[in-house]
Amino acid sequence: MLLAITQELKYRHQRAMTKAEKKWMQAVAELGCIVCLEAGFGYVPCCVHHILESGRRKGHLHTIGLCPGHHASGLNTEEVVSRHPWLKEFETRYGTEKELWKKTCDALRG
């Protein structure tokens, strides 16, 4: 119960997404996992991950697509490293979130 109240308070101060933000996030979702795309696997369904800066979300326009394996699976194997909780290993292997965001932007520009 306390968790539900805490979550409600957390999101109460956030504003609704703009049309541009919704369009961006839809495009990111349709692009798929940027790590898998860069590795040559083509489209792999993804979760939209908000880039963090100093522990806070940068906003809806600063998002990248990560498949469940690269996002929050908790894996740290030779094949895949999950962003959550292995940030340093993830960035060493695949690049920083900012670098992946730039690659996302480039891929969406065509």
C-alpha atoms as a PDB file:
ATOM      1  CA  MET A   1       0.000   0.000   0.000  1.00  0.00           C
ATOM      2  CA  LEU A   2       2.769   2.438   0.945  1.00  0.00           C
ATOM      3  CA  LEU A   3       4.571   1.666  -2.312  1.00  0.00           C
ATOM      4  CA  ALA A   4       1.451   2.484  -4.353  1.00  0.00           C
ATOM      5  CA  ILE A   5       1.029   5.817  -2.553  1.00  0.00           C
ATOM      6  CA  THR A   6       4.720   6.632  -3.034  1.00  0.00           C
ATOM      7  CA  GLN A   7       4.498   5.860  -6.767  1.00  0.00           C
ATOM      8  CA  GLU A   8       1.379   8.007  -7.111  1.00  0.00           C
ATOM      9  CA  LEU A   9       3.096  10.958  -5.450  1.00  0.00           C
ATOM     10  CA  LYS A  10       6.211  10.431  -7.573  1.00  0.00           C
ATOM     11  CA  TYR A  11       4.281  10.719 -10.849  1.00  0.00           C
ATOM     12  CA  ARG A  12       1.757  13.350  -9.790  1.00  0.00           C
ATOM     13  CA  HIS A  13       4.191  16.215 -10.474  1.00  0.00           C
ATOM     14  CA  GLN A  14       5.034  15.002 -13.976  1.00  0.00           C
ATOM     15  CA  ARG A  15       3.323  16.680 -16.893  1.00  0.00           C
ATOM     16  CA  ALA A  16       1.613  14.842 -19.725  1.00  0.00           C
ATOM     17  CA  MET A  17       3.731  13.962 -22.752  1.00  0.00           C
ATOM     18  CA  THR A  18       3.632  16.341 -25.691  1.00  0.00           C
ATOM     19  CA  LYS A  19       2.800  15.161 -29.222  1.00  0.00           C
ATOM     20  CA  ALA A  20       6.482  15.429 -30.131  1.00  0.00           C
ATOM     21  CA  GLU A  21       7.486  13.298 -27.138  1.00  0.00           C
ATOM     22  CA  LYS A  22       4.868  10.658 -27.970  1.00  0.00           C
ATOM     23  CA  LYS A  23       6.023  10.615 -31.593  1.00  0.00           C
ATOM     24  CA  TRP A  24       9.683  10.244 -30.542  1.00  0.00           C
ATOM     25  CA  MET A  25       8.973   7.420 -28.101  1.00  0.00           C
ATOM     26  CA  GLN A  26       6.875   5.581 -30.700  1.00  0.00           C
ATOM     27  CA  ALA A  27       9.705   5.913 -33.228  1.00  0.00           C
ATOM     28  CA  VAL A  28      12.218   4.579 -30.677  1.00  0.00           C
ATOM     29  CA  ALA A  29       9.950   1.606 -29.971  1.00  0.00           C
ATOM     30  CA  GLU A  30       9.564   0.908 -33.697  1.00  0.00           C
ATOM     31  CA  LEU A  31      13.356   1.107 -34.194  1.00  0.00           C
ATOM     32  CA  GLY A  32      13.905  -1.586 -31.575  1.00  0.00           C
ATOM     33  CA  CYS A  33      16.910  -2.285 -29.381  1.00  0.00           C
ATOM     34  CA  ILE A  34      19.736   0.039 -30.409  1.00  0.00           C
ATOM     35  CA  VAL A  35      22.388  -2.347 -29.028  1.00  0.00           C
ATOM     36  CA  CYS A  36      21.031  -5.281 -31.049  1.00  0.00           C
ATOM     37  CA  LEU A  37      20.671  -3.069 -34.127  1.00  0.00           C
ATOM     38  CA  GLU A  38      24.303  -1.943 -33.828  1.00  0.00           C
ATOM     39  CA  ALA A  39      25.378  -5.588 -33.435  1.00  0.00           C
ATOM     40  CA  GLY A  40      23.702  -6.439 -36.749  1.00  0.00           C
ATOM     41  CA  PHE A  41      20.697  -8.367 -35.401  1.00  0.00           C
ATOM     42  CA  GLY A  42      18.196  -6.018 -37.031  1.00  0.00           C
ATOM     43  CA  TYR A  43      14.924  -5.196 -35.318  1.00  0.00           C
ATOM     44  CA  VAL A  44      14.526  -6.649 -31.819  1.00  0.00           C
ATOM     45  CA  PRO A  45      11.461  -5.530 -29.790  1.00  0.00           C
ATOM     46  CA  CYS A  46      12.393  -3.180 -26.989  1.00  0.00           C
ATOM     47  CA  CYS A  47      11.455  -1.274 -23.871  1.00  0.00           C
ATOM     48  CA  VAL A  48      11.889   2.490 -24.055  1.00  0.00           C
ATOM     49  CA  HIS A  49      14.624   3.406 -21.565  1.00  0.00           C
ATOM     50  CA  HIS A  50      14.897   6.956 -20.194  1.00  0.00           C
ATOM     51  CA  ILE A  51      18.489   8.157 -20.047  1.00  0.00           C
ATOM     52  CA  LEU A  52      19.588   9.167 -16.593  1.00  0.00           C
ATOM     53  CA  GLU A  53      21.851  12.056 -15.701  1.00  0.00           C
ATOM     54  CA  SER A  54      22.911  12.367 -12.067  1.00  0.00           C
ATOM     55  CA  GLY A  55      20.282   9.768 -11.211  1.00  0.00           C
ATOM     56  CA  ARG A  56      17.390  11.684 -12.813  1.00  0.00           C
ATOM     57  CA  ARG A  57      15.555  11.164 -16.086  1.00  0.00           C
ATOM     58  CA  LYS A  58      16.566  13.648 -18.775  1.00  0.00           C
ATOM     59  CA  GLY A  59      13.093  13.602 -20.316  1.00  0.00           C
ATOM     60  CA  HIS A  60      11.020  11.726 -22.849  1.00  0.00           C
ATOM     61  CA  LEU A  61      13.095  12.971 -25.796  1.00  0.00           C
ATOM     62  CA  HIS A  62      16.210  11.427 -24.269  1.00  0.00           C
ATOM     63  CA  THR A  63      15.272   7.782 -24.575  1.00  0.00           C
ATOM     64  CA  ILE A  64      16.714   4.716 -26.272  1.00  0.00           C
ATOM     65  CA  GLY A  65      15.274   1.332 -27.086  1.00  0.00           C
ATOM     66  CA  LEU A  66      16.697  -1.618 -25.175  1.00  0.00           C
ATOM     67  CA  CYS A  67      15.482  -5.211 -25.451  1.00  0.00           C
ATOM     68  CA  PRO A  68      14.677  -6.998 -22.184  1.00  0.00           C
ATOM     69  CA  GLY A  69      18.126  -8.627 -22.184  1.00  0.00           C
ATOM     70  CA  HIS A  70      19.967  -5.341 -22.536  1.00  0.00           C
ATOM     71  CA  HIS A  71      17.575  -3.376 -20.324  1.00  0.00           C
ATOM     72  CA  ALA A  72      16.751  -4.985 -17.001  1.00  0.00           C
ATOM     73  CA  SER A  73      17.349  -8.732 -17.153  1.00  0.00           C
ATOM     74  CA  GLY A  74      20.190  -8.526 -14.654  1.00  0.00           C
ATOM     75  CA  LEU A  75      22.418 -10.553 -16.979  1.00  0.00           C
ATOM     76  CA  ASN A  76      26.173 -10.058 -17.175  1.00  0.00           C
ATOM     77  CA  THR A  77      27.468 -12.798 -19.486  1.00  0.00           C
ATOM     78  CA  GLU A  78      29.726 -13.006 -22.513  1.00  0.00           C
ATOM     79  CA  GLU A  79      26.659 -12.700 -24.740  1.00  0.00           C
ATOM     80  CA  VAL A  80      24.756  -9.869 -23.061  1.00  0.00           C
ATOM     81  CA  VAL A  81      25.065  -7.260 -20.328  1.00  0.00           C
ATOM     82  CA  SER A  82      21.975  -5.677 -18.836  1.00  0.00           C
ATOM     83  CA  ARG A  83      21.851  -1.909 -18.256  1.00  0.00           C
ATOM     84  CA  HIS A  84      20.218  -2.517 -14.901  1.00  0.00           C
ATOM     85  CA  PRO A  85      22.160  -3.156 -12.657  1.00  0.00           C
ATOM     86  CA  TRP A  86      25.444  -3.375 -14.629  1.00  0.00           C
ATOM     87  CA  LEU A  87      25.783   0.232 -15.911  1.00  0.00           C
ATOM     88  CA  LYS A  88      29.609   0.391 -15.971  1.00  0.00           C
ATOM     89  CA  GLU A  89      29.989  -2.978 -17.719  1.00  0.00           C
ATOM     90  CA  PHE A  90      27.116  -2.092 -20.093  1.00  0.00           C
ATOM     91  CA  GLU A  91      28.793   1.204 -21.075  1.00  0.00           C
ATOM     92  CA  THR A  92      32.210  -0.442 -21.443  1.00  0.00           C
ATOM     93  CA  ARG A  93      30.778  -2.996 -23.827  1.00  0.00           C
ATOM     94  CA  TYR A  94      28.195  -0.982 -25.783  1.00  0.00           C
ATOM     95  CA  GLY A  95      28.963   2.710 -25.199  1.00  0.00           C
ATOM     96  CA  THR A  96      27.445   5.311 -22.921  1.00  0.00           C
ATOM     97  CA  GLU A  97      23.730   6.016 -22.883  1.00  0.00           C
ATOM     98  CA  LYS A  98      24.492   9.371 -24.540  1.00  0.00           C
ATOM     99  CA  GLU A  99      26.441   7.625 -27.325  1.00  0.00           C
ATOM    100  CA  LEU A 100      23.594   5.143 -27.826  1.00  0.00           C
ATOM    101  CA  TRP A 101      21.117   8.039 -27.878  1.00  0.00           C
ATOM    102  CA  LYS A 102      23.159   9.712 -30.649  1.00  0.00           C
ATOM    103  CA  LYS A 103      23.141   6.430 -32.601  1.00  0.00           C
ATOM    104  CA  THR A 104      19.384   6.255 -32.075  1.00  0.00           C
ATOM    105  CA  CYS A 105      19.014   9.788 -33.436  1.00  0.00           C
ATOM    106  CA  ASP A 106      21.158   8.926 -36.470  1.00  0.00           C
ATOM    107  CA  ALA A 107      19.194   5.724 -37.156  1.00  0.00           C
ATOM    108  CA  LEU A 108      15.876   7.563 -36.953  1.00  0.00           C
ATOM    109  CA  ARG A 109      17.089  10.276 -39.316  1.00  0.00           C
ATOM    110  CA  GLY A 110      17.787   7.540 -41.863  1.00  0.00           C
END
